Amino acid sequence: MTEHSNRTVGRWSARLWVALLICSGVILLDGLDVSMIAVAIPEIQHEFGMSAGTAQWLAGAYILAFGSFLLLGGRFADLFGRRRVLVVAMGVFAVVSVVGAFADDAVLVIVSRFVKGMAAAFTAPAAMSLLTTTFPEGPQRNKAFGIFNVFEASGYSSGLLVGGLLAAINWRATFLLPVPIAVLLLVAALRCLPPDPPRTERVRLDLGGAATLVTGMLLLVVTVSSAEHVGWASGRTLGGFIGAAILLVGFVLIERSVQQPLIRLGLFRDRGLVAANASAALLYGGAMGFQFLLALYLQNLHGWQPWQMALVLLPAGLMVVVIGPQLGTLMNRYGVNRVLLVGLTAFIPCYLLMLRIGDKPDLWTVLLPASVLWGLGFALSISALMVAGTSGVADEEQGLAAGLLNSSLQVGGATGLAIVTATIVPATNLSDFPPGVMVILGFAVLTLLAQLIRQKGVRNVGGGA
């Protein structure tokens, strides 16, 4: 049976499964690394005598680099070859993981986290665009994204548990664990993924566009992340937003004038793509706020350990694992838009349940049902948004579309977290939490309304009635 026949009838060859597992392994590694460091921070802080402000950069440096370089990473994958970019960036990821594990200086640990974030900003869109160019739009891609997101959720949820266990032994183990996984993925990509097709034209990198884009994104992410500490109306925050806006406007002007722009601006005329990215930002803003509220409530207010909170979120991870492999069938049968609406709707009762948190954690009627609804919302929404955000995009711009979607998730998450933090500070008693819950509920409602408006009179994506 030919490769074309395999795709047509939905029976995948071994090569397609291997390609999917490599792409999914990359996103699993990203989630694993982010969540493991979250529970290892107290141990690292204690060993190096870091202040709380310095320690937050152990997670912040990675997020800063990841969010700032995603668009550039996605475009590099389109221009220089997806397999090539994936392999090089994965090699960098493995090397700096070793550097961080044996670092004897706090600054070097933080720098290693920043460089890992940069590497991940190249591996993530390369892997996602490899997936979208390997699996044709429609039933095949829908199924692939369902499995892809199972790995993403599994990486993050398992990282909380694994990181907690490793940090209890030695925090350096949390830096070393990703190394063999990264090496395995690198070797698998070299051996199993087809070489990148040769380019017929010489690539001329738009250095001016790259510089203004990365600098503008760096400034934007820093400003959003620090706004909770310095104040949204402070001169530093306002100046950061103005500076980021000037740089990004400069980027647009450069792209309009150069012969070979880094990013084709016409891509942003695609209404579906823009709506998918806006929805992704709003969804992740609420989701990050939910996790933050839950952590403050259980860990700060009630003294729970991170692994105990991870167990509360375990039903959410299980929902993704159970539903993920079936998502292709669901989207093919009912259409991406309907699946997306059901997923987005699930977040509303989830966040409403958080208004019922009391003096003692209520597992059976509040926390676990909220976890199940949160997992249902994520299982259905994220895959559908990824399908919507990459549908109709030409193969030569799939890396850019993947980078854009991931950038929306990161900036939206950072913005939502900053807004929730500013709303509930200092969060020292139960009465501080309802305003934060109302914020994440507002994010959920806005996301649902945005999709309802977009879908009114718009052709359904991805099959189904």
Protein backbone atom coordinates (compact mmCIF):
# COMPACT_ATOMS: atom_id res chain seq x y z
CA MET A 1 0.00 0.00 0.00
CA THR A 2 1.41 3.42 -0.91
CA GLU A 3 1.87 6.33 1.47
CA HIS A 4 -0.92 8.18 -0.32
CA SER A 5 -3.26 5.25 0.17
CA ASN A 6 -2.38 5.05 3.84
CA ARG A 7 -3.38 8.67 4.28
CA THR A 8 -6.56 8.33 2.28
CA VAL A 9 -8.02 5.40 4.19
CA GLY A 10 -6.70 6.57 7.56
CA ARG A 11 -4.31 3.64 8.12
CA TRP A 12 -0.93 5.01 9.05
CA SER A 13 2.36 3.45 8.08
CA ALA A 14 5.14 2.88 10.62
CA ARG A 15 6.90 6.00 9.27
CA LEU A 16 3.91 8.19 10.06
CA TRP A 17 3.61 6.79 13.58
CA VAL A 18 7.31 7.35 14.22
CA ALA A 19 7.07 10.94 12.96
CA LEU A 20 4.09 11.56 15.24
CA LEU A 21 5.89 10.06 18.25
CA ILE A 22 8.97 12.23 17.63
CA CYS A 23 6.87 15.41 17.35
CA SER A 24 4.84 14.42 20.41
CA GLY A 25 8.00 13.56 22.35
CA VAL A 26 9.33 17.07 21.76
CA ILE A 27 6.23 18.69 23.25
CA LEU A 28 6.21 16.18 26.13
CA LEU A 29 9.80 17.17 26.94
CA ASP A 30 8.89 20.88 26.97
CA GLY A 31 6.00 20.31 29.39
CA LEU A 32 8.10 18.02 31.58
CA ASP A 33 10.92 20.53 31.86
CA VAL A 34 8.65 23.47 32.70
CA SER A 35 6.71 21.66 35.43
CA MET A 36 9.73 19.96 37.02
CA ILE A 37 11.50 23.26 37.65
CA ALA A 38 8.35 24.67 39.25
CA VAL A 39 8.59 22.23 42.17
CA ALA A 40 12.42 22.30 42.35
CA ILE A 41 12.69 26.08 42.83
CA PRO A 42 12.64 26.01 46.68
CA GLU A 43 15.57 23.56 46.78
CA ILE A 44 17.62 25.60 44.27
CA GLN A 45 16.82 28.80 46.14
CA HIS A 46 17.99 27.27 49.41
CA GLU A 47 21.28 25.92 47.99
CA PHE A 48 22.35 29.22 46.42
CA GLY A 49 20.80 31.52 49.02
CA MET A 50 18.69 33.28 46.38
CA SER A 51 16.19 35.97 47.24
CA ALA A 52 12.58 35.32 46.24
CA GLY A 53 12.90 37.90 43.44
CA THR A 54 15.95 36.13 41.99
CA ALA A 55 14.48 32.65 42.39
CA GLN A 56 11.41 33.50 40.32
CA TRP A 57 13.73 33.86 37.31
CA LEU A 58 14.43 30.13 37.41
CA ALA A 59 11.01 29.73 35.80
CA GLY A 60 10.75 33.25 34.39
CA ALA A 61 13.94 33.12 32.30
CA TYR A 62 12.69 30.06 30.42
CA ILE A 63 9.25 31.56 29.84
CA LEU A 64 10.77 34.88 28.76
CA ALA A 65 13.01 33.28 26.16
CA PHE A 66 10.38 30.81 24.99
CA GLY A 67 7.70 33.46 24.47
CA SER A 68 10.09 35.91 22.80
CA PHE A 69 11.73 33.59 20.27
CA LEU A 70 8.75 31.45 19.20
CA LEU A 71 7.87 33.44 16.08
CA LEU A 72 11.51 33.53 15.02
CA GLY A 73 11.85 29.81 15.75
CA GLY A 74 8.80 28.99 13.66
CA ARG A 75 10.03 31.05 10.75
CA PHE A 76 13.50 29.50 10.94
CA ALA A 77 11.86 26.08 10.62
CA ASP A 78 10.11 27.23 7.43
CA LEU A 79 13.24 28.83 5.96
CA PHE A 80 16.05 26.48 6.95
CA GLY A 81 14.31 23.12 7.24
CA ARG A 82 12.14 21.72 10.02
CA ARG A 83 14.21 18.62 10.74
CA ARG A 84 17.44 20.62 10.69
CA VAL A 85 16.13 23.24 13.11
CA LEU A 86 14.66 20.55 15.37
CA VAL A 87 17.92 18.60 15.57
CA VAL A 88 20.17 21.61 16.20
CA ALA A 89 17.86 23.12 18.82
CA MET A 90 17.40 19.77 20.57
CA GLY A 91 21.18 19.40 20.75
CA VAL A 92 21.44 22.84 22.36
CA PHE A 93 18.67 21.89 24.80
CA ALA A 94 20.56 18.76 25.89
CA VAL A 95 23.89 20.57 26.32
CA VAL A 96 22.54 23.44 28.42
CA SER A 97 20.61 20.94 30.55
CA VAL A 98 23.95 19.39 31.51
CA VAL A 99 25.46 22.84 32.11
CA GLY A 100 22.59 23.76 34.43
CA ALA A 101 22.84 20.46 36.31
CA PHE A 102 26.51 21.01 37.20
CA ALA A 103 26.39 24.79 37.65
CA ASP A 104 27.92 26.10 40.88
CA ASP A 105 26.60 29.63 40.45
CA ALA A 106 23.01 30.92 40.61
CA VAL A 107 23.50 33.20 37.61
CA LEU A 108 24.72 30.30 35.47
CA VAL A 109 21.66 28.24 36.44
CA ILE A 110 19.35 31.09 35.38
CA VAL A 111 21.28 31.66 32.14
CA SER A 112 20.99 27.95 31.33
CA ARG A 113 17.23 28.22 31.84
CA PHE A 114 17.10 31.18 29.43
CA VAL A 115 19.06 29.31 26.75
CA LYS A 116 16.85 26.23 27.22
CA GLY A 117 13.82 28.46 26.68
CA MET A 118 15.38 29.74 23.45
CA ALA A 119 16.05 26.18 22.28
CA ALA A 120 12.49 25.13 23.09
CA ALA A 121 11.20 28.13 21.11
CA PHE A 122 12.79 26.51 18.05
CA THR A 123 11.94 22.85 18.80
CA ALA A 124 8.24 23.41 19.57
CA PRO A 125 7.17 25.12 16.29
CA ALA A 126 9.51 22.86 14.29
CA ALA A 127 7.83 19.78 15.76
CA MET A 128 4.33 21.18 15.33
CA SER A 129 4.96 22.22 11.71
CA LEU A 130 6.49 18.80 11.00
CA LEU A 131 3.22 17.34 12.23
CA THR A 132 1.04 19.64 10.12
CA THR A 133 3.09 19.06 6.96
CA THR A 134 3.26 15.28 7.51
CA PHE A 135 -0.46 14.80 8.16
CA PRO A 136 -2.83 16.33 5.60
CA GLU A 137 -5.51 18.75 6.71
CA GLY A 138 -8.71 16.99 7.75
CA PRO A 139 -9.26 13.65 9.52
CA GLN A 140 -5.57 12.68 9.58
CA ARG A 141 -4.39 15.94 11.14
CA ASN A 142 -7.31 15.99 13.59
CA LYS A 143 -6.33 12.55 14.89
CA ALA A 144 -2.64 13.48 15.04
CA PHE A 145 -3.31 16.62 17.08
CA GLY A 146 -5.42 14.65 19.55
CA ILE A 147 -2.49 12.31 20.25
CA PHE A 148 0.00 15.20 20.21
CA ASN A 149 -1.89 16.97 22.98
CA VAL A 150 -2.05 13.81 25.10
CA PHE A 151 1.74 13.93 25.22
CA GLU A 152 1.75 17.66 25.99
CA ALA A 153 -0.62 17.27 28.94
CA SER A 154 1.13 14.13 30.16
CA GLY A 155 4.48 15.91 30.15
CA TYR A 156 3.24 18.77 32.26
CA SER A 157 1.22 16.72 34.76
CA SER A 158 3.85 14.01 35.19
CA GLY A 159 6.54 16.67 35.57
CA LEU A 160 4.92 17.93 38.76
CA LEU A 161 5.06 14.47 40.33
CA VAL A 162 8.45 13.44 38.93
CA GLY A 163 9.96 16.83 39.72
CA GLY A 164 8.72 16.65 43.29
CA LEU A 165 10.31 13.22 43.78
CA LEU A 166 13.61 14.18 42.12
CA ALA A 167 13.86 17.53 43.94
CA ALA A 168 13.48 15.68 47.25
CA ILE A 169 16.60 13.68 46.32
CA ASN A 170 18.62 16.39 44.53
CA TRP A 171 17.37 19.29 42.42
CA ARG A 172 20.15 18.68 39.89
CA ALA A 173 18.37 15.49 38.84
CA THR A 174 15.54 17.63 37.43
CA PHE A 175 18.09 19.17 35.02
CA LEU A 176 19.62 15.82 34.08
CA LEU A 177 16.43 13.86 33.40
CA PRO A 178 15.62 15.72 30.14
CA VAL A 179 19.10 14.97 28.71
CA PRO A 180 18.62 11.31 27.65
CA ILE A 181 15.12 12.13 26.37
CA ALA A 182 16.49 14.99 24.24
CA VAL A 183 19.32 12.82 22.89
CA LEU A 184 16.90 10.01 22.04
CA LEU A 185 14.62 12.43 20.16
CA LEU A 186 17.60 13.97 18.36
CA VAL A 187 18.87 10.57 17.17
CA ALA A 188 15.36 9.45 16.20
CA ALA A 189 14.84 12.63 14.16
CA LEU A 190 18.12 12.11 12.30
CA ARG A 191 17.43 8.45 11.59
CA CYS A 192 13.68 8.40 10.99
CA LEU A 193 12.56 11.78 9.64
CA PRO A 194 13.11 12.44 5.94
CA PRO A 195 15.78 15.05 5.10
CA ASP A 196 14.59 18.58 4.48
CA PRO A 197 13.97 19.24 0.78
CA PRO A 198 16.68 21.35 -0.87
CA ARG A 199 15.82 25.00 -1.33
CA THR A 200 15.95 26.33 -4.87
CA GLU A 201 16.49 29.93 -3.73
CA ARG A 202 19.15 31.37 -1.48
CA VAL A 203 17.68 32.40 1.89
CA ARG A 204 18.28 36.02 2.81
CA LEU A 205 17.54 36.44 6.48
CA ASP A 206 15.75 39.68 7.32
CA LEU A 207 18.10 40.74 10.14
CA GLY A 208 16.31 44.02 10.80
CA GLY A 209 12.98 42.28 11.09
CA ALA A 210 14.44 39.55 13.29
CA ALA A 211 16.09 42.07 15.63
CA THR A 212 12.98 44.25 16.08
CA LEU A 213 10.68 41.21 16.45
CA VAL A 214 12.77 39.48 19.12
CA THR A 215 13.54 42.70 21.02
CA GLY A 216 9.89 43.78 20.90
CA MET A 217 8.67 40.37 22.09
CA LEU A 218 11.30 40.28 24.86
CA LEU A 219 10.22 43.69 26.10
CA LEU A 220 6.53 42.77 25.87
CA VAL A 221 6.94 39.51 27.84
CA VAL A 222 9.15 41.19 30.48
CA THR A 223 6.66 44.02 30.89
CA VAL A 224 3.65 41.72 31.26
CA SER A 225 5.49 39.40 33.65
CA SER A 226 6.77 42.21 35.89
CA ALA A 227 3.57 44.28 35.91
CA GLU A 228 2.23 42.37 38.91
CA HIS A 229 5.24 43.46 40.98
CA VAL A 230 5.78 47.06 39.83
CA GLY A 231 2.15 47.97 39.12
CA TRP A 232 0.15 48.19 35.90
CA ALA A 233 0.05 52.00 36.02
CA SER A 234 3.74 52.44 36.90
CA GLY A 235 6.07 54.33 34.60
CA ARG A 236 8.12 51.19 34.05
CA THR A 237 5.10 49.18 32.89
CA LEU A 238 3.71 51.92 30.66
CA GLY A 239 7.15 52.62 29.24
CA GLY A 240 7.65 48.90 28.55
CA PHE A 241 4.37 48.64 26.65
CA ILE A 242 5.14 51.79 24.65
CA GLY A 243 8.65 50.56 23.84
CA ALA A 244 7.36 47.14 22.79
CA ALA A 245 4.69 48.76 20.61
CA ILE A 246 7.29 50.99 18.90
CA LEU A 247 9.56 48.01 18.21
CA LEU A 248 6.74 45.85 16.86
CA VAL A 249 5.43 48.70 14.68
CA GLY A 250 9.00 49.07 13.42
CA PHE A 251 9.00 45.36 12.65
CA VAL A 252 5.80 45.72 10.60
CA LEU A 253 7.26 48.67 8.66
CA ILE A 254 10.43 46.70 7.92
CA GLU A 255 8.43 43.69 6.76
CA ARG A 256 6.41 45.87 4.39
CA SER A 257 9.53 47.31 2.79
CA VAL A 258 12.04 44.42 2.46
CA GLN A 259 12.10 42.15 -0.58
CA GLN A 260 12.17 38.92 1.44
CA PRO A 261 10.32 39.61 4.69
CA LEU A 262 10.77 37.38 7.71
CA ILE A 263 6.98 37.13 8.05
CA ARG A 264 4.42 37.62 5.29
CA LEU A 265 1.97 40.08 6.82
CA GLY A 266 -0.84 38.90 4.56
CA LEU A 267 -1.09 35.81 6.75
CA PHE A 268 -2.82 37.94 9.38
CA ARG A 269 -5.74 38.63 7.02
CA ASP A 270 -6.90 35.08 7.69
CA ARG A 271 -9.87 35.63 10.02
CA GLY A 272 -9.86 32.05 11.29
CA LEU A 273 -6.16 32.15 12.15
CA VAL A 274 -6.46 35.47 14.01
CA ALA A 275 -9.55 34.27 15.92
CA ALA A 276 -7.83 31.00 16.88
CA ASN A 277 -4.85 32.90 18.26
CA ALA A 278 -7.01 35.35 20.19
CA SER A 279 -8.98 32.46 21.68
CA ALA A 280 -5.77 30.63 22.58
CA ALA A 281 -4.47 33.70 24.43
CA LEU A 282 -7.71 34.15 26.38
CA LEU A 283 -8.03 30.44 27.17
CA TYR A 284 -4.46 30.15 28.46
CA GLY A 285 -4.79 33.37 30.43
CA GLY A 286 -7.67 31.86 32.38
CA ALA A 287 -5.96 28.48 32.70
CA MET A 288 -2.72 29.90 34.13
CA GLY A 289 -4.75 32.03 36.52
CA PHE A 290 -6.68 28.93 37.64
CA GLN A 291 -3.49 26.99 38.38
CA PHE A 292 -2.04 29.94 40.28
CA LEU A 293 -5.18 30.37 42.38
CA LEU A 294 -5.29 26.66 43.14
CA ALA A 295 -1.61 26.65 44.16
CA LEU A 296 -2.08 29.63 46.49
CA TYR A 297 -5.22 28.15 48.01
CA LEU A 298 -3.82 24.67 48.64
CA GLN A 299 -0.12 25.36 49.25
CA ASN A 300 0.02 28.83 50.81
CA LEU A 301 -3.28 28.84 52.65
CA HIS A 302 -3.43 25.18 53.68
CA GLY A 303 0.21 24.04 53.57
CA TRP A 304 -0.19 21.32 50.96
CA GLN A 305 2.89 20.01 49.13
CA PRO A 306 3.22 20.46 45.33
CA TRP A 307 2.78 16.73 44.74
CA GLN A 308 -0.53 16.84 46.62
CA MET A 309 -1.75 19.60 44.33
CA ALA A 310 -0.57 17.51 41.38
CA LEU A 311 -2.85 14.71 42.59
CA VAL A 312 -5.80 17.14 42.61
CA LEU A 313 -5.03 17.94 38.96
CA LEU A 314 -4.53 14.27 38.08
CA PRO A 315 -8.17 13.85 36.91
CA ALA A 316 -7.59 16.73 34.48
CA GLY A 317 -4.58 14.93 33.02
CA LEU A 318 -6.52 11.67 32.83
CA MET A 319 -9.31 13.41 30.90
CA VAL A 320 -6.78 14.53 28.29
CA VAL A 321 -5.23 11.05 28.10
CA VAL A 322 -8.62 9.36 27.68
CA ILE A 323 -10.21 11.86 25.29
CA GLY A 324 -7.12 12.83 23.28
CA PRO A 325 -6.87 9.70 21.10
CA GLN A 326 -10.61 9.99 20.30
CA LEU A 327 -10.48 13.66 19.30
CA GLY A 328 -9.83 12.95 15.65
CA THR A 329 -13.04 10.92 15.48
CA LEU A 330 -14.99 13.56 17.40
CA MET A 331 -13.79 16.43 15.19
CA ASN A 332 -14.42 14.44 12.02
CA ARG A 333 -17.94 13.55 13.09
CA TYR A 334 -19.11 16.78 14.70
CA GLY A 335 -16.72 19.34 13.22
CA VAL A 336 -13.92 21.29 14.86
CA ASN A 337 -16.15 24.26 15.72
CA ARG A 338 -18.66 22.20 17.72
CA VAL A 339 -15.96 20.33 19.61
CA LEU A 340 -14.28 23.64 20.38
CA LEU A 341 -17.47 25.20 21.72
CA VAL A 342 -18.13 22.25 24.04
CA GLY A 343 -14.58 22.45 25.33
CA LEU A 344 -14.71 26.20 25.95
CA THR A 345 -18.09 25.88 27.69
CA ALA A 346 -16.62 23.36 30.19
CA PHE A 347 -14.34 26.03 31.68
CA ILE A 348 -17.28 28.12 32.89
CA PRO A 349 -18.74 25.64 35.43
CA CYS A 350 -15.17 24.73 36.38
CA TYR A 351 -14.36 28.30 37.42
CA LEU A 352 -17.81 28.76 38.99
CA LEU A 353 -17.01 25.84 41.29
CA MET A 354 -13.92 27.75 42.49
CA LEU A 355 -16.25 30.37 43.96
CA ARG A 356 -17.30 27.65 46.45
CA ILE A 357 -13.84 27.07 47.98
CA GLY A 358 -14.09 27.26 51.77
CA ASP A 359 -12.00 27.29 54.93
CA LYS A 360 -11.15 23.64 54.30
CA PRO A 361 -10.40 22.11 50.88
CA ASP A 362 -13.48 20.26 49.61
CA LEU A 363 -12.16 17.45 47.41
CA TRP A 364 -15.36 15.68 46.40
CA THR A 365 -17.78 18.48 45.55
CA VAL A 366 -15.41 21.29 44.51
CA LEU A 367 -11.79 20.48 43.69
CA LEU A 368 -12.06 17.13 41.90
CA PRO A 369 -15.17 18.08 39.84
CA ALA A 370 -13.40 21.32 38.87
CA SER A 371 -10.35 19.29 37.86
CA VAL A 372 -12.46 16.99 35.67
CA LEU A 373 -14.16 19.94 33.95
CA TRP A 374 -10.82 21.70 33.48
CA GLY A 375 -9.37 18.57 31.87
CA LEU A 376 -12.43 18.18 29.64
CA GLY A 377 -12.12 21.79 28.51
CA PHE A 378 -8.43 21.43 27.74
CA ALA A 379 -8.79 18.05 26.04
CA LEU A 380 -11.37 19.40 23.59
CA SER A 381 -10.25 23.01 23.16
CA ILE A 382 -6.49 22.93 22.65
CA SER A 383 -6.48 20.37 19.83
CA ALA A 384 -9.39 22.13 18.12
CA LEU A 385 -7.60 25.48 18.36
CA MET A 386 -4.44 23.99 16.89
CA VAL A 387 -6.41 22.60 13.97
CA ALA A 388 -8.19 25.93 13.46
CA GLY A 389 -4.94 27.91 13.79
CA THR A 390 -3.12 25.89 11.11
CA SER A 391 -5.97 25.13 8.67
CA GLY A 392 -5.67 26.76 5.28
CA VAL A 393 -2.03 27.82 5.88
CA ALA A 394 0.45 26.92 3.13
CA ASP A 395 3.11 24.34 3.98
CA GLU A 396 5.89 26.90 3.64
CA GLU A 397 4.31 28.95 6.45
CA GLN A 398 3.27 26.17 8.83
CA GLY A 399 6.25 26.86 11.10
CA LEU A 400 5.22 30.48 11.38
CA ALA A 401 1.60 29.51 12.12
CA ALA A 402 2.81 27.10 14.83
CA GLY A 403 5.09 29.73 16.34
CA LEU A 404 2.30 32.30 16.29
CA LEU A 405 -0.13 29.97 18.04
CA ASN A 406 2.39 29.07 20.72
CA SER A 407 3.27 32.76 21.17
CA SER A 408 -0.39 33.55 21.74
CA LEU A 409 -0.59 30.86 24.39
CA GLN A 410 2.51 32.13 26.19
CA VAL A 411 1.70 35.86 26.08
CA GLY A 412 -1.93 35.15 26.99
CA GLY A 413 -0.85 32.95 29.90
CA ALA A 414 1.59 35.52 31.21
CA THR A 415 -1.00 38.30 30.89
CA GLY A 416 -3.73 36.29 32.61
CA LEU A 417 -1.37 35.32 35.44
CA ALA A 418 -0.28 38.92 35.93
CA ILE A 419 -3.87 40.19 36.02
CA VAL A 420 -4.99 37.51 38.49
CA THR A 421 -1.97 38.17 40.71
CA ALA A 422 -2.65 41.89 40.75
CA THR A 423 -6.29 41.18 41.64
CA ILE A 424 -5.76 38.90 44.63
CA VAL A 425 -2.55 40.20 46.25
CA PRO A 426 -1.71 39.51 49.05
CA ALA A 427 -3.90 36.35 49.12
CA THR A 428 -3.38 35.74 52.82
CA ASN A 429 -6.97 34.73 53.60
CA LEU A 430 -9.96 33.21 51.86
CA SER A 431 -11.69 36.53 51.16
CA ASP A 432 -8.84 37.52 48.79
CA PHE A 433 -9.69 34.78 46.27
CA PRO A 434 -13.16 35.58 44.79
CA PRO A 435 -11.94 38.58 42.73
CA GLY A 436 -9.30 36.37 41.10
CA VAL A 437 -11.89 33.70 40.34
CA MET A 438 -14.09 36.33 38.69
CA VAL A 439 -11.15 37.33 36.48
CA ILE A 440 -10.56 33.78 35.18
CA LEU A 441 -14.32 33.34 34.76
CA GLY A 442 -14.31 36.51 32.66
CA PHE A 443 -11.53 35.06 30.48
CA ALA A 444 -13.60 31.90 29.94
CA VAL A 445 -16.74 33.84 28.99
CA LEU A 446 -14.83 36.11 26.59
CA THR A 447 -13.21 33.12 24.90
CA LEU A 448 -16.59 31.46 24.37
CA LEU A 449 -18.20 34.67 23.10
CA ALA A 450 -15.32 35.27 20.68
CA GLN A 451 -15.81 31.81 19.18
CA LEU A 452 -19.59 32.20 18.95
CA ILE A 453 -19.17 35.49 17.07
CA ARG A 454 -16.50 34.04 14.77
CA GLN A 455 -18.47 30.90 13.98
CA LYS A 456 -21.69 32.70 13.15
CA GLY A 457 -22.01 32.39 9.42
CA VAL A 458 -18.50 30.92 9.04
CA ARG A 459 -17.94 27.54 7.36
CA ASN A 460 -17.09 24.78 9.84
CA VAL A 461 -13.49 23.63 9.86
CA GLY A 462 -12.15 20.11 9.75
CA GLY A 463 -15.15 18.07 8.72
CA GLY A 464 -18.46 17.24 10.31
CA ALA A 465 -21.80 18.95 10.05
